Protein backbone atom coordinates (compact mmCIF):
# COMPACT_ATOMS: atom_id res chain seq x y z
CA MET A 1 -199.88 -136.62 137.35
CA LYS A 2 -196.16 -136.85 136.41
CA LYS A 3 -195.46 -133.51 138.07
CA TYR A 4 -196.82 -134.75 141.40
CA VAL A 5 -194.86 -138.02 141.27
CA PHE A 6 -191.65 -136.15 140.45
CA ALA A 7 -192.23 -133.65 143.26
CA GLY A 8 -192.95 -136.46 145.71
CA MET A 9 -189.82 -138.38 144.74
CA PHE A 10 -187.71 -135.22 144.95
CA ALA A 11 -189.05 -134.53 148.46
CA LEU A 12 -188.30 -138.09 149.57
CA VAL A 13 -184.74 -138.05 148.20
CA SER A 14 -184.11 -134.63 149.74
CA THR A 15 -185.37 -135.81 153.13
CA LEU A 16 -183.22 -138.94 153.05
CA ALA A 17 -180.13 -136.96 152.07
CA LEU A 18 -180.66 -134.42 154.85
CA SER A 19 -181.24 -137.21 157.37
CA ALA A 20 -177.94 -138.84 156.42
CA VAL A 21 -176.10 -135.53 156.78
CA ALA A 22 -177.72 -134.85 160.16
CA LEU A 23 -176.84 -138.32 161.43
CA ALA A 24 -173.23 -137.95 160.33
CA ALA A 25 -173.05 -134.57 162.08
CA ILE A 26 -174.18 -135.93 165.47
CA THR A 27 -172.10 -139.10 165.47
CA PRO A 28 -168.99 -138.38 167.54
CA PRO A 29 -165.64 -139.75 166.48
CA PRO A 30 -164.41 -142.77 168.40
CA ALA A 31 -162.60 -141.88 171.61
CA THR A 32 -158.84 -142.17 171.65
CA TYR A 33 -156.92 -143.07 174.78
CA PRO A 34 -153.45 -142.00 175.90
CA THR A 35 -150.68 -144.56 175.56
CA ASP A 36 -147.99 -142.63 177.45
CA LYS A 37 -148.28 -140.59 180.63
CA ASP A 38 -146.54 -137.66 178.92
CA GLN A 39 -149.65 -137.29 176.75
CA CYS A 40 -151.55 -136.38 179.94
CA LYS A 41 -149.20 -133.60 181.02
CA LYS A 42 -149.46 -129.85 180.34
CA GLY A 43 -153.22 -130.03 179.81
CA GLY A 44 -152.96 -132.98 177.42
CA TRP A 45 -155.54 -134.89 179.45
CA GLU A 46 -158.15 -132.43 178.12
CA ASN A 47 -157.53 -133.64 174.55
CA PHE A 48 -159.20 -137.00 175.18
CA ALA A 49 -162.88 -136.09 174.61
CA GLY A 50 -163.74 -135.52 178.27
CA LEU A 51 -162.64 -138.99 179.36
CA PHE A 52 -160.59 -137.73 182.29
CA LYS A 53 -161.51 -135.35 185.10
CA ASN A 54 -157.89 -134.23 185.63
CA GLN A 55 -154.25 -135.00 184.84
CA GLY A 56 -153.94 -137.53 187.67
CA ASP A 57 -156.91 -139.49 186.38
CA CYS A 58 -155.30 -139.64 182.94
CA VAL A 59 -151.89 -140.71 184.27
CA SER A 60 -153.51 -143.33 186.49
CA TYR A 61 -155.26 -144.79 183.44
CA VAL A 62 -151.96 -145.06 181.55
CA VAL A 63 -149.83 -146.54 184.33
CA THR A 64 -152.45 -149.21 185.16
CA ASP A 65 -152.73 -150.20 181.47
CA GLY A 66 -156.37 -149.14 181.46
CA ARG A 67 -157.44 -151.11 184.53
CA ASN A 68 -158.26 -147.85 186.30
CA GLU A 69 -161.09 -146.58 184.09
CA PRO A 70 -161.40 -142.86 183.29
CA SER A 71 -163.51 -140.93 185.81
CA GLY A 72 -164.78 -138.34 183.36
CA LEU A 73 -167.18 -140.73 181.65
């Protein structure tokens, strides 16, 4: 009987540990936003997790202090 209880507990702990690892793997990091229009230049707009569709969209976001929301969302 002890062997079955141990095996069951091991399976449960293993499943919980794998679930936690899988959840951590699919949770994206929080998005960062540019604070200066120079961060958008020379392809820099592509470094913001797909928030912007092009450089102009990124620059527009910065110069309007975020009032013009990113179009890439």
